[in-house]
Amino acid sequence: MIPAFASPDIERAFDLPDPEARKGLLLLRDLIFEIAADTPETGRIEEALRWGQPAYLTPETKLGSTIRLGAHKDARFALFVHCQSRLIPEYITAYPAWDRLDGTRALLFNHARDIEPLRHGWLIRRALTYKIRKPLSV
């Protein structure tokens, strides 16, 4: 079950003027919580605001790297990860030439239908368990 928003401010962060961006961000949010529920080592997921964007952290286990969701200047919406992490480079190794990227910091989307739970879920799972080194597998 996907939890309610952690606060009214977080809920407002999803109120974008572009309905397609809102739909995509909500799908990514759902995917984050679904993957976390299937990955017990992450512990509880905290939903907070970072730089005005919804962010997802693993405060109890501290095993994850923060994931943020929001609008992007070069796309309707994006999934952001820490730019100095190995997350995007590892993702590119696992899924070369599949997605539009903003360097090592974001996957870019223009439509909610572009979200693929298996492929994009792989990146989310890696972020939520970032400090657990596992072999790369698709």
C-alpha atoms as a PDB file:
ATOM      1  CA  MET A   1       0.000   0.000   0.000  1.00  0.00           C
ATOM      2  CA  ILE A   2       1.288   3.447  -0.931  1.00  0.00           C
ATOM      3  CA  PRO A   3       1.300   5.750   2.105  1.00  0.00           C
ATOM      4  CA  ALA A   4      -0.375   9.124   2.265  1.00  0.00           C
ATOM      5  CA  PHE A   5       1.862  12.115   1.726  1.00  0.00           C
ATOM      6  CA  ALA A   6       4.090  12.825   4.715  1.00  0.00           C
ATOM      7  CA  SER A   7       2.932  16.464   4.848  1.00  0.00           C
ATOM      8  CA  PRO A   8       0.715  18.960   3.021  1.00  0.00           C
ATOM      9  CA  ASP A   9       3.879  20.694   1.747  1.00  0.00           C
ATOM     10  CA  ILE A  10       5.030  17.487   0.076  1.00  0.00           C
ATOM     11  CA  GLU A  11       1.602  16.947  -1.434  1.00  0.00           C
ATOM     12  CA  ARG A  12       1.710  20.510  -2.830  1.00  0.00           C
ATOM     13  CA  ALA A  13       5.113  19.763  -4.426  1.00  0.00           C
ATOM     14  CA  PHE A  14       3.268  17.336  -6.720  1.00  0.00           C
ATOM     15  CA  ASP A  15       0.729  19.979  -7.769  1.00  0.00           C
ATOM     16  CA  LEU A  16       2.383  20.902 -11.035  1.00  0.00           C
ATOM     17  CA  PRO A  17       0.640  22.819 -13.799  1.00  0.00           C
ATOM     18  CA  ASP A  18       1.583  20.045 -16.245  1.00  0.00           C
ATOM     19  CA  PRO A  19      -0.779  17.093 -15.627  1.00  0.00           C
ATOM     20  CA  GLU A  20       1.554  14.667 -17.446  1.00  0.00           C
ATOM     21  CA  ALA A  21       4.459  15.635 -15.183  1.00  0.00           C
ATOM     22  CA  ARG A  22       2.268  15.202 -12.095  1.00  0.00           C
ATOM     23  CA  LYS A  23       1.123  11.779 -13.313  1.00  0.00           C
ATOM     24  CA  GLY A  24       4.711  10.689 -13.965  1.00  0.00           C
ATOM     25  CA  LEU A  25       6.001  11.933 -10.614  1.00  0.00           C
ATOM     26  CA  LEU A  26       3.195  10.148  -8.778  1.00  0.00           C
ATOM     27  CA  LEU A  27       3.996   6.921 -10.658  1.00  0.00           C
ATOM     28  CA  LEU A  28       7.670   7.238  -9.653  1.00  0.00           C
ATOM     29  CA  ARG A  29       6.623   7.913  -6.034  1.00  0.00           C
ATOM     30  CA  ASP A  30       4.479   4.770  -6.056  1.00  0.00           C
ATOM     31  CA  LEU A  31       7.367   2.778  -7.533  1.00  0.00           C
ATOM     32  CA  ILE A  32       9.742   3.992  -4.802  1.00  0.00           C
ATOM     33  CA  PHE A  33       7.381   2.860  -2.044  1.00  0.00           C
ATOM     34  CA  GLU A  34       6.605  -0.458  -3.788  1.00  0.00           C
ATOM     35  CA  ILE A  35      10.293  -1.271  -4.193  1.00  0.00           C
ATOM     36  CA  ALA A  36      11.037  -0.248  -0.616  1.00  0.00           C
ATOM     37  CA  ALA A  37       8.261  -2.564   0.621  1.00  0.00           C
ATOM     38  CA  ASP A  38       9.866  -5.429  -1.334  1.00  0.00           C
ATOM     39  CA  THR A  39      13.363  -4.571  -0.062  1.00  0.00           C
ATOM     40  CA  PRO A  40      13.242  -5.007   3.723  1.00  0.00           C
ATOM     41  CA  GLU A  41      16.899  -4.042   4.222  1.00  0.00           C
ATOM     42  CA  THR A  42      16.019  -0.426   3.370  1.00  0.00           C
ATOM     43  CA  GLY A  43      13.988   0.003   6.533  1.00  0.00           C
ATOM     44  CA  ARG A  44      11.421   2.766   6.754  1.00  0.00           C
ATOM     45  CA  ILE A  45      11.355   5.280   3.891  1.00  0.00           C
ATOM     46  CA  GLU A  46      11.140   8.927   4.871  1.00  0.00           C
ATOM     47  CA  GLU A  47       9.442  11.343   2.494  1.00  0.00           C
ATOM     48  CA  ALA A  48      10.731  14.901   2.913  1.00  0.00           C
ATOM     49  CA  LEU A  49      11.362  18.050   0.909  1.00  0.00           C
ATOM     50  CA  ARG A  50      14.882  18.780  -0.322  1.00  0.00           C
ATOM     51  CA  TRP A  51      15.427  21.846  -2.498  1.00  0.00           C
ATOM     52  CA  GLY A  52      11.639  22.113  -2.723  1.00  0.00           C
ATOM     53  CA  GLN A  53      11.341  18.647  -4.256  1.00  0.00           C
ATOM     54  CA  PRO A  54       9.988  15.415  -2.783  1.00  0.00           C
ATOM     55  CA  ALA A  55      12.910  13.343  -1.515  1.00  0.00           C
ATOM     56  CA  TYR A  56      13.104   9.743  -0.307  1.00  0.00           C
ATOM     57  CA  LEU A  57      15.616   8.683   2.339  1.00  0.00           C
ATOM     58  CA  THR A  58      16.423   5.658   4.498  1.00  0.00           C
ATOM     59  CA  PRO A  59      16.865   7.329   7.926  1.00  0.00           C
ATOM     60  CA  GLU A  60      16.868   4.201  10.092  1.00  0.00           C
ATOM     61  CA  THR A  61      19.335   2.064   8.156  1.00  0.00           C
ATOM     62  CA  LYS A  62      21.178   4.906   6.388  1.00  0.00           C
ATOM     63  CA  LEU A  63      21.871   2.413   3.600  1.00  0.00           C
ATOM     64  CA  GLY A  64      20.374   4.468   0.794  1.00  0.00           C
ATOM     65  CA  SER A  65      21.256   7.471  -1.278  1.00  0.00           C
ATOM     66  CA  THR A  66      18.606  10.181  -1.498  1.00  0.00           C
ATOM     67  CA  ILE A  67      16.207  10.053  -4.431  1.00  0.00           C
ATOM     68  CA  ARG A  68      14.433  13.258  -5.470  1.00  0.00           C
ATOM     69  CA  LEU A  69      11.546  13.799  -7.872  1.00  0.00           C
ATOM     70  CA  GLY A  70      10.724  16.990  -9.704  1.00  0.00           C
ATOM     71  CA  ALA A  71      10.474  19.117 -12.802  1.00  0.00           C
ATOM     72  CA  HIS A  72      13.533  19.576 -15.005  1.00  0.00           C
ATOM     73  CA  LYS A  73      14.459  22.294 -17.477  1.00  0.00           C
ATOM     74  CA  ASP A  74      15.124  19.773 -20.266  1.00  0.00           C
ATOM     75  CA  ALA A  75      12.186  17.433 -19.607  1.00  0.00           C
ATOM     76  CA  ARG A  76       8.731  17.423 -18.075  1.00  0.00           C
ATOM     77  CA  PHE A  77       9.958  15.591 -14.973  1.00  0.00           C
ATOM     78  CA  ALA A  78      12.957  13.727 -13.618  1.00  0.00           C
ATOM     79  CA  LEU A  79      14.209  11.247 -11.061  1.00  0.00           C
ATOM     80  CA  PHE A  80      17.317  12.724  -9.402  1.00  0.00           C
ATOM     81  CA  VAL A  81      20.111  10.908  -7.556  1.00  0.00           C
ATOM     82  CA  HIS A  82      23.271  12.194  -5.906  1.00  0.00           C
ATOM     83  CA  CYS A  83      25.494  13.350  -8.773  1.00  0.00           C
ATOM     84  CA  GLN A  84      28.721  12.146  -7.119  1.00  0.00           C
ATOM     85  CA  SER A  85      27.404   8.636  -6.573  1.00  0.00           C
ATOM     86  CA  ARG A  86      27.995   5.679  -8.879  1.00  0.00           C
ATOM     87  CA  LEU A  87      24.255   5.254  -9.465  1.00  0.00           C
ATOM     88  CA  ILE A  88      23.869   6.690 -12.966  1.00  0.00           C
ATOM     89  CA  PRO A  89      27.160   5.217 -14.253  1.00  0.00           C
ATOM     90  CA  GLU A  90      26.071   1.780 -12.962  1.00  0.00           C
ATOM     91  CA  TYR A  91      22.635   2.284 -14.494  1.00  0.00           C
ATOM     92  CA  ILE A  92      24.197   3.120 -17.870  1.00  0.00           C
ATOM     93  CA  THR A  93      26.278  -0.058 -17.640  1.00  0.00           C
ATOM     94  CA  ALA A  94      23.163  -2.126 -16.972  1.00  0.00           C
ATOM     95  CA  TYR A  95      20.932  -0.286 -19.465  1.00  0.00           C
ATOM     96  CA  PRO A  96      23.078   1.420 -22.097  1.00  0.00           C
ATOM     97  CA  ALA A  97      21.397   3.905 -24.453  1.00  0.00           C
ATOM     98  CA  TRP A  98      17.906   3.448 -23.026  1.00  0.00           C
ATOM     99  CA  ASP A  99      17.152   6.793 -21.405  1.00  0.00           C
ATOM    100  CA  ARG A 100      17.724  10.509 -21.572  1.00  0.00           C
ATOM    101  CA  LEU A 101      20.035  11.613 -18.784  1.00  0.00           C
ATOM    102  CA  ASP A 102      21.276  14.795 -17.184  1.00  0.00           C
ATOM    103  CA  GLY A 103      24.880  13.796 -16.614  1.00  0.00           C
ATOM    104  CA  THR A 104      25.224  11.692 -13.481  1.00  0.00           C
ATOM    105  CA  ARG A 105      22.328  13.314 -11.664  1.00  0.00           C
ATOM    106  CA  ALA A 106      18.997  12.484 -13.302  1.00  0.00           C
ATOM    107  CA  LEU A 107      16.848  10.336 -15.549  1.00  0.00           C
ATOM    108  CA  LEU A 108      14.670  12.570 -17.712  1.00  0.00           C
ATOM    109  CA  PHE A 109      11.088  11.818 -18.734  1.00  0.00           C
ATOM    110  CA  ASN A 110       8.502  13.509 -20.930  1.00  0.00           C
ATOM    111  CA  HIS A 111       5.634  11.047 -20.458  1.00  0.00           C
ATOM    112  CA  ALA A 112       4.418   8.840 -17.636  1.00  0.00           C
ATOM    113  CA  ARG A 113       4.215   5.963 -20.121  1.00  0.00           C
ATOM    114  CA  ASP A 114       8.028   6.119 -20.428  1.00  0.00           C
ATOM    115  CA  ILE A 115       8.411   4.794 -16.874  1.00  0.00           C
ATOM    116  CA  GLU A 116       9.298   1.111 -16.954  1.00  0.00           C
ATOM    117  CA  PRO A 117       9.055  -0.501 -13.510  1.00  0.00           C
ATOM    118  CA  LEU A 118      11.720  -3.134 -14.158  1.00  0.00           C
ATOM    119  CA  ARG A 119      14.345  -0.844 -15.655  1.00  0.00           C
ATOM    120  CA  HIS A 120      13.729   2.277 -13.604  1.00  0.00           C
ATOM    121  CA  GLY A 121      12.987   0.177 -10.546  1.00  0.00           C
ATOM    122  CA  TRP A 122      16.507  -1.213 -10.855  1.00  0.00           C
ATOM    123  CA  LEU A 123      17.928   2.289 -10.318  1.00  0.00           C
ATOM    124  CA  ILE A 124      15.544   2.999  -7.448  1.00  0.00           C
ATOM    125  CA  ARG A 125      16.487  -0.271  -5.701  1.00  0.00           C
ATOM    126  CA  ARG A 126      20.208   0.517  -6.151  1.00  0.00           C
ATOM    127  CA  ALA A 127      19.669   3.976  -4.657  1.00  0.00           C
ATOM    128  CA  LEU A 128      17.693   2.656  -1.675  1.00  0.00           C
ATOM    129  CA  THR A 129      20.433   0.100  -0.943  1.00  0.00           C
ATOM    130  CA  TYR A 130      23.398   2.159  -2.140  1.00  0.00           C
ATOM    131  CA  LYS A 131      25.735   1.318   0.743  1.00  0.00           C
ATOM    132  CA  ILE A 132      25.176  -2.414   0.297  1.00  0.00           C
ATOM    133  CA  ARG A 133      27.537  -3.480  -2.464  1.00  0.00           C
ATOM    134  CA  LYS A 134      25.872  -6.054  -4.657  1.00  0.00           C
ATOM    135  CA  PRO A 135      27.004  -7.345  -8.028  1.00  0.00           C
ATOM    136  CA  LEU A 136      25.403  -5.520 -10.936  1.00  0.00           C
ATOM    137  CA  SER A 137      22.567  -7.563 -12.333  1.00  0.00           C
ATOM    138  CA  VAL A 138      19.604  -6.703 -14.446  1.00  0.00           C
END
